[in-house]
């Protein structure tokens, strides 16, 4: 985790922009994900907000205006299915949670699927 605030917005959002909350503890991986999300979009189609820890992500999700969550399962506070469970405990089924992770362990996959993730 870096010493800079882990929140940034890519592009000024238009009213119809898809608001993405990226939950990723690695700054380089977050930058890569943001660039990939926004590289093919036209007219500021996506607004990406980044949080580098689960606590800040959960606080942000308690407020309105997020359309989708991109979640890394390898977070320092909780990893694997526990990270997914923490996020879904706040959003329920109201906001889609897309798992974007290098955690390819069978236990993480099976437990997140049991929690409602689609495999």
N, C-alpha and C. Protein backbone atom coordinates (compact mmCIF):
# COMPACT_ATOMS: atom_id res chain seq x y z
N UNK A 1 0.84 -1.17 0.00
CA UNK A 1 0.00 0.00 0.00
C UNK A 1 0.89 1.23 0.00
N UNK A 2 0.51 2.21 -0.77
CA UNK A 2 1.30 3.43 -0.86
C UNK A 2 0.87 4.46 0.16
N UNK A 3 1.61 5.54 0.19
CA UNK A 3 1.30 6.59 1.15
C UNK A 3 0.37 7.64 0.57
N UNK A 4 0.07 7.54 -0.72
CA UNK A 4 -0.84 8.50 -1.33
C UNK A 4 -2.26 8.02 -1.17
N UNK A 5 -3.21 8.93 -1.16
CA UNK A 5 -4.61 8.52 -1.03
C UNK A 5 -4.98 7.59 -2.17
N UNK A 6 -5.70 6.57 -1.85
CA UNK A 6 -6.05 5.56 -2.85
C UNK A 6 -7.40 5.84 -3.47
N UNK A 7 -7.55 7.02 -3.97
CA UNK A 7 -8.80 7.35 -4.63
C UNK A 7 -8.47 8.23 -5.81
N UNK A 8 -8.95 7.86 -6.96
CA UNK A 8 -8.78 8.71 -8.11
C UNK A 8 -9.89 8.42 -9.09
N UNK A 9 -10.13 9.37 -9.96
CA UNK A 9 -11.16 9.24 -10.96
C UNK A 9 -10.49 9.37 -12.31
N UNK A 10 -10.83 8.48 -13.22
CA UNK A 10 -10.32 8.55 -14.57
C UNK A 10 -11.40 9.23 -15.39
N UNK A 11 -11.07 10.30 -16.02
CA UNK A 11 -11.98 11.08 -16.86
C UNK A 11 -13.04 11.81 -16.02
N UNK A 12 -13.51 12.90 -16.51
CA UNK A 12 -14.66 13.56 -15.92
C UNK A 12 -15.88 12.80 -16.42
N UNK A 13 -16.69 12.39 -15.52
CA UNK A 13 -17.82 11.53 -15.89
C UNK A 13 -18.97 12.34 -16.46
N UNK A 14 -19.57 11.82 -17.50
CA UNK A 14 -20.81 12.37 -18.00
C UNK A 14 -21.94 11.72 -17.21
N UNK A 15 -23.14 12.28 -17.23
CA UNK A 15 -24.23 11.73 -16.43
C UNK A 15 -24.52 10.25 -16.70
N UNK A 16 -24.25 9.76 -17.88
CA UNK A 16 -24.57 8.37 -18.21
C UNK A 16 -23.37 7.44 -18.03
N UNK A 17 -22.30 7.91 -17.47
CA UNK A 17 -21.11 7.08 -17.29
C UNK A 17 -21.39 5.92 -16.34
N UNK A 18 -20.78 4.79 -16.61
CA UNK A 18 -20.85 3.64 -15.72
C UNK A 18 -19.83 3.86 -14.62
N UNK A 19 -20.30 3.90 -13.37
CA UNK A 19 -19.43 4.19 -12.23
C UNK A 19 -18.89 2.90 -11.65
N UNK A 20 -17.58 2.73 -11.74
CA UNK A 20 -16.90 1.51 -11.34
C UNK A 20 -16.09 1.79 -10.08
N UNK A 21 -16.24 0.91 -9.08
CA UNK A 21 -15.36 0.97 -7.92
C UNK A 21 -14.36 -0.17 -8.06
N UNK A 22 -13.10 0.19 -8.21
CA UNK A 22 -12.01 -0.76 -8.34
C UNK A 22 -11.39 -0.97 -6.97
N UNK A 23 -11.42 -2.20 -6.46
CA UNK A 23 -10.88 -2.52 -5.14
C UNK A 23 -9.64 -3.38 -5.37
N UNK A 24 -8.48 -2.75 -5.27
CA UNK A 24 -7.21 -3.38 -5.62
C UNK A 24 -6.11 -2.75 -4.76
N UNK A 25 -5.31 -3.58 -4.07
CA UNK A 25 -4.28 -3.04 -3.19
C UNK A 25 -2.99 -2.70 -3.90
N UNK A 26 -2.79 -3.17 -5.12
CA UNK A 26 -1.57 -2.92 -5.86
C UNK A 26 -1.77 -1.75 -6.82
N UNK A 27 -1.00 -0.69 -6.62
CA UNK A 27 -1.17 0.53 -7.42
C UNK A 27 -0.92 0.28 -8.90
N UNK A 28 0.09 -0.53 -9.23
CA UNK A 28 0.37 -0.81 -10.65
C UNK A 28 -0.77 -1.59 -11.29
N UNK A 29 -1.28 -2.58 -10.58
CA UNK A 29 -2.40 -3.36 -11.10
C UNK A 29 -3.64 -2.49 -11.26
N UNK A 30 -3.86 -1.57 -10.32
CA UNK A 30 -5.01 -0.66 -10.41
C UNK A 30 -4.88 0.25 -11.62
N UNK A 31 -3.69 0.77 -11.86
CA UNK A 31 -3.47 1.64 -13.02
C UNK A 31 -3.69 0.87 -14.31
N UNK A 32 -3.21 -0.36 -14.37
CA UNK A 32 -3.41 -1.19 -15.56
C UNK A 32 -4.90 -1.46 -15.79
N UNK A 33 -5.61 -1.81 -14.74
CA UNK A 33 -7.05 -2.06 -14.87
C UNK A 33 -7.78 -0.81 -15.35
N UNK A 34 -7.46 0.34 -14.76
CA UNK A 34 -8.12 1.59 -15.19
C UNK A 34 -7.85 1.88 -16.65
N UNK A 35 -6.59 1.71 -17.07
CA UNK A 35 -6.28 2.01 -18.47
C UNK A 35 -7.00 1.05 -19.41
N UNK A 36 -7.13 -0.21 -19.02
CA UNK A 36 -7.85 -1.18 -19.85
C UNK A 36 -9.34 -0.87 -19.91
N UNK A 37 -9.91 -0.48 -18.80
CA UNK A 37 -11.34 -0.17 -18.76
C UNK A 37 -11.65 1.04 -19.64
N UNK A 38 -10.80 2.03 -19.57
CA UNK A 38 -11.08 3.28 -20.26
C UNK A 38 -10.53 3.34 -21.68
N UNK A 39 -9.64 2.43 -22.06
CA UNK A 39 -8.98 2.53 -23.36
C UNK A 39 -9.95 2.37 -24.53
N UNK A 40 -10.92 1.52 -24.39
CA UNK A 40 -11.85 1.29 -25.50
C UNK A 40 -13.13 2.08 -25.40
N UNK A 41 -13.27 2.86 -24.34
CA UNK A 41 -14.54 3.57 -24.16
C UNK A 41 -14.52 4.91 -24.89
N UNK A 42 -15.69 5.30 -25.32
CA UNK A 42 -15.86 6.59 -25.98
C UNK A 42 -16.69 7.50 -25.08
N UNK A 43 -16.45 8.77 -25.18
CA UNK A 43 -17.27 9.77 -24.50
C UNK A 43 -17.36 9.53 -23.00
N UNK A 44 -16.24 9.20 -22.38
CA UNK A 44 -16.19 9.01 -20.93
C UNK A 44 -17.26 8.03 -20.46
N UNK A 45 -17.31 6.89 -21.10
CA UNK A 45 -18.31 5.87 -20.80
C UNK A 45 -18.15 5.31 -19.39
N UNK A 46 -16.91 5.30 -18.87
CA UNK A 46 -16.65 4.76 -17.54
C UNK A 46 -16.00 5.81 -16.64
N UNK A 47 -16.41 5.80 -15.40
CA UNK A 47 -15.76 6.59 -14.36
C UNK A 47 -15.24 5.56 -13.36
N UNK A 48 -13.93 5.54 -13.13
CA UNK A 48 -13.33 4.54 -12.25
C UNK A 48 -12.81 5.22 -10.99
N UNK A 49 -13.27 4.71 -9.87
CA UNK A 49 -12.81 5.18 -8.56
C UNK A 49 -12.05 4.03 -7.93
N UNK A 50 -10.87 4.31 -7.37
CA UNK A 50 -10.01 3.26 -6.85
C UNK A 50 -9.88 3.35 -5.34
N UNK A 51 -10.03 2.21 -4.69
CA UNK A 51 -9.77 2.08 -3.25
C UNK A 51 -8.76 0.97 -3.06
N UNK A 52 -7.76 1.20 -2.22
CA UNK A 52 -6.71 0.20 -2.06
C UNK A 52 -6.88 -0.69 -0.84
N UNK A 53 -8.02 -0.58 -0.16
CA UNK A 53 -8.27 -1.49 0.96
C UNK A 53 -9.77 -1.71 1.11
N UNK A 54 -10.11 -2.82 1.74
CA UNK A 54 -11.52 -3.21 1.86
C UNK A 54 -12.31 -2.25 2.74
N UNK A 55 -11.71 -1.75 3.80
CA UNK A 55 -12.44 -0.85 4.69
C UNK A 55 -12.89 0.40 3.95
N UNK A 56 -11.99 1.01 3.19
CA UNK A 56 -12.36 2.21 2.43
C UNK A 56 -13.38 1.88 1.34
N UNK A 57 -13.26 0.72 0.74
CA UNK A 57 -14.22 0.31 -0.28
C UNK A 57 -15.61 0.14 0.33
N UNK A 58 -15.67 -0.48 1.49
CA UNK A 58 -16.96 -0.70 2.15
C UNK A 58 -17.59 0.62 2.58
N UNK A 59 -16.79 1.55 3.05
CA UNK A 59 -17.29 2.88 3.40
C UNK A 59 -17.86 3.55 2.16
N UNK A 60 -17.13 3.46 1.05
CA UNK A 60 -17.58 4.09 -0.20
C UNK A 60 -18.87 3.44 -0.70
N UNK A 61 -18.97 2.13 -0.57
CA UNK A 61 -20.16 1.43 -1.05
C UNK A 61 -21.40 1.72 -0.22
N UNK A 62 -21.22 2.25 0.97
CA UNK A 62 -22.37 2.63 1.80
C UNK A 62 -23.03 3.90 1.25
N UNK A 63 -22.35 4.58 0.34
CA UNK A 63 -22.89 5.78 -0.32
C UNK A 63 -23.40 5.38 -1.70
N UNK A 64 -24.26 6.19 -2.29
CA UNK A 64 -24.81 5.84 -3.61
C UNK A 64 -23.83 6.09 -4.75
N UNK A 65 -24.25 5.73 -5.93
CA UNK A 65 -23.60 6.09 -7.19
C UNK A 65 -22.48 5.17 -7.64
N UNK A 66 -22.47 3.93 -7.24
CA UNK A 66 -21.56 2.95 -7.82
C UNK A 66 -22.42 1.95 -8.58
N UNK A 67 -22.03 1.66 -9.82
CA UNK A 67 -22.79 0.74 -10.66
C UNK A 67 -22.24 -0.68 -10.65
N UNK A 68 -20.92 -0.82 -10.48
CA UNK A 68 -20.29 -2.13 -10.50
C UNK A 68 -18.99 -2.08 -9.69
N UNK A 69 -18.66 -3.20 -9.05
CA UNK A 69 -17.42 -3.32 -8.28
C UNK A 69 -16.51 -4.30 -9.00
N UNK A 70 -15.25 -3.90 -9.19
CA UNK A 70 -14.21 -4.81 -9.65
C UNK A 70 -13.35 -5.13 -8.44
N UNK A 71 -13.30 -6.39 -8.05
CA UNK A 71 -12.69 -6.79 -6.79
C UNK A 71 -11.51 -7.73 -6.98
N UNK A 72 -10.38 -7.35 -6.39
CA UNK A 72 -9.24 -8.25 -6.27
C UNK A 72 -9.46 -9.09 -5.02
N UNK A 73 -9.32 -10.40 -5.12
CA UNK A 73 -9.50 -11.26 -3.95
C UNK A 73 -8.27 -11.29 -3.05
N UNK A 74 -7.15 -10.82 -3.53
CA UNK A 74 -5.91 -10.87 -2.75
C UNK A 74 -5.67 -9.60 -1.97
N UNK A 75 -6.60 -9.23 -1.14
CA UNK A 75 -6.47 -8.02 -0.34
C UNK A 75 -5.76 -8.35 0.98
N UNK A 76 -5.00 -7.40 1.54
CA UNK A 76 -4.25 -7.70 2.76
C UNK A 76 -5.12 -7.95 3.99
N UNK A 77 -6.26 -7.26 4.09
CA UNK A 77 -7.10 -7.41 5.28
C UNK A 77 -7.80 -8.75 5.31
N UNK A 78 -8.37 -9.13 4.19
CA UNK A 78 -9.08 -10.40 4.03
C UNK A 78 -8.77 -10.88 2.62
N UNK A 79 -8.55 -12.16 2.47
CA UNK A 79 -8.25 -12.64 1.13
C UNK A 79 -9.27 -13.68 0.68
N UNK A 80 -9.24 -13.94 -0.61
CA UNK A 80 -10.10 -14.96 -1.19
C UNK A 80 -11.58 -14.68 -0.97
N UNK A 81 -12.30 -15.73 -0.60
CA UNK A 81 -13.75 -15.62 -0.44
C UNK A 81 -14.13 -14.63 0.65
N UNK A 82 -13.24 -14.40 1.62
CA UNK A 82 -13.56 -13.44 2.70
C UNK A 82 -13.64 -12.00 2.17
N UNK A 83 -12.80 -11.66 1.21
CA UNK A 83 -12.87 -10.33 0.59
C UNK A 83 -14.19 -10.17 -0.15
N UNK A 84 -14.57 -11.20 -0.88
CA UNK A 84 -15.85 -11.18 -1.61
C UNK A 84 -17.02 -11.05 -0.65
N UNK A 85 -16.99 -11.82 0.42
CA UNK A 85 -18.06 -11.77 1.41
C UNK A 85 -18.17 -10.39 2.05
N UNK A 86 -17.04 -9.76 2.35
CA UNK A 86 -17.05 -8.42 2.94
C UNK A 86 -17.75 -7.42 2.02
N UNK A 87 -17.42 -7.47 0.75
CA UNK A 87 -18.02 -6.53 -0.21
C UNK A 87 -19.50 -6.83 -0.41
N UNK A 88 -19.85 -8.10 -0.58
CA UNK A 88 -21.26 -8.42 -0.81
C UNK A 88 -22.11 -8.21 0.44
N UNK A 89 -21.49 -8.19 1.60
CA UNK A 89 -22.26 -7.89 2.82
C UNK A 89 -22.75 -6.45 2.80
N UNK A 90 -22.08 -5.60 2.07
CA UNK A 90 -22.49 -4.19 1.96
C UNK A 90 -23.46 -4.00 0.79
N UNK A 91 -23.16 -4.59 -0.36
CA UNK A 91 -23.96 -4.32 -1.56
C UNK A 91 -25.05 -5.34 -1.82
N UNK A 92 -24.96 -6.51 -1.20
CA UNK A 92 -25.96 -7.55 -1.48
C UNK A 92 -25.95 -7.90 -2.95
N UNK A 93 -27.13 -7.92 -3.54
CA UNK A 93 -27.23 -8.20 -4.98
C UNK A 93 -27.55 -6.93 -5.77
N UNK A 94 -27.56 -5.79 -5.10
CA UNK A 94 -27.93 -4.53 -5.75
C UNK A 94 -26.86 -4.06 -6.74
N UNK A 95 -25.61 -4.39 -6.49
CA UNK A 95 -24.51 -3.95 -7.34
C UNK A 95 -23.72 -5.19 -7.76
N UNK A 96 -23.51 -5.38 -9.06
CA UNK A 96 -22.70 -6.53 -9.48
C UNK A 96 -21.26 -6.41 -8.98
N UNK A 97 -20.71 -7.54 -8.56
CA UNK A 97 -19.31 -7.60 -8.13
C UNK A 97 -18.58 -8.51 -9.10
N UNK A 98 -17.63 -7.94 -9.81
CA UNK A 98 -16.82 -8.68 -10.77
C UNK A 98 -15.48 -8.97 -10.11
N UNK A 99 -15.12 -10.23 -10.05
CA UNK A 99 -13.86 -10.61 -9.43
C UNK A 99 -12.76 -10.54 -10.48
N UNK A 100 -11.75 -9.76 -10.17
CA UNK A 100 -10.63 -9.51 -11.06
C UNK A 100 -9.38 -9.80 -10.23
N UNK A 101 -8.84 -11.02 -10.34
CA UNK A 101 -7.81 -11.42 -9.41
C UNK A 101 -6.86 -12.43 -10.02
N UNK A 102 -5.70 -12.54 -9.41
CA UNK A 102 -4.76 -13.59 -9.80
C UNK A 102 -4.86 -14.78 -8.85
N UNK A 103 -5.76 -14.71 -7.88
CA UNK A 103 -5.98 -15.80 -6.94
C UNK A 103 -6.74 -16.90 -7.67
N UNK A 104 -6.03 -17.94 -8.06
CA UNK A 104 -6.67 -19.02 -8.81
C UNK A 104 -6.82 -20.29 -7.97
N UNK A 105 -6.81 -20.13 -6.66
CA UNK A 105 -6.95 -21.31 -5.81
C UNK A 105 -8.37 -21.87 -5.90
N UNK A 106 -8.44 -23.18 -5.85
CA UNK A 106 -9.74 -23.86 -5.96
C UNK A 106 -10.65 -23.47 -4.80
N UNK A 107 -10.09 -23.32 -3.61
CA UNK A 107 -10.94 -22.98 -2.46
C UNK A 107 -11.55 -21.59 -2.61
N UNK A 108 -10.78 -20.62 -3.07
CA UNK A 108 -11.34 -19.28 -3.29
C UNK A 108 -12.43 -19.32 -4.34
N UNK A 109 -12.16 -20.02 -5.43
CA UNK A 109 -13.15 -20.13 -6.51
C UNK A 109 -14.42 -20.79 -6.01
N UNK A 110 -14.30 -21.94 -5.36
CA UNK A 110 -15.49 -22.67 -4.91
C UNK A 110 -16.28 -21.90 -3.87
N UNK A 111 -15.61 -21.27 -2.93
CA UNK A 111 -16.32 -20.55 -1.88
C UNK A 111 -16.97 -19.27 -2.41
N UNK A 112 -16.33 -18.56 -3.32
CA UNK A 112 -16.97 -17.36 -3.88
C UNK A 112 -18.17 -17.74 -4.74
N UNK A 113 -18.08 -18.88 -5.44
CA UNK A 113 -19.25 -19.35 -6.21
C UNK A 113 -20.39 -19.70 -5.26
N UNK A 114 -20.09 -20.34 -4.14
CA UNK A 114 -21.13 -20.64 -3.16
C UNK A 114 -21.75 -19.37 -2.59
N UNK A 115 -20.97 -18.29 -2.57
CA UNK A 115 -21.48 -17.01 -2.06
C UNK A 115 -22.27 -16.26 -3.13
N UNK A 116 -22.35 -16.79 -4.32
CA UNK A 116 -23.16 -16.15 -5.36
C UNK A 116 -22.40 -15.68 -6.58
N UNK A 117 -21.07 -15.80 -6.57
CA UNK A 117 -20.30 -15.42 -7.76
C UNK A 117 -20.61 -16.40 -8.87
N UNK A 118 -20.49 -15.95 -10.08
CA UNK A 118 -20.72 -16.81 -11.24
C UNK A 118 -19.37 -17.28 -11.76
N UNK A 119 -19.22 -18.57 -11.93
CA UNK A 119 -17.95 -19.17 -12.37
C UNK A 119 -17.81 -19.23 -13.85
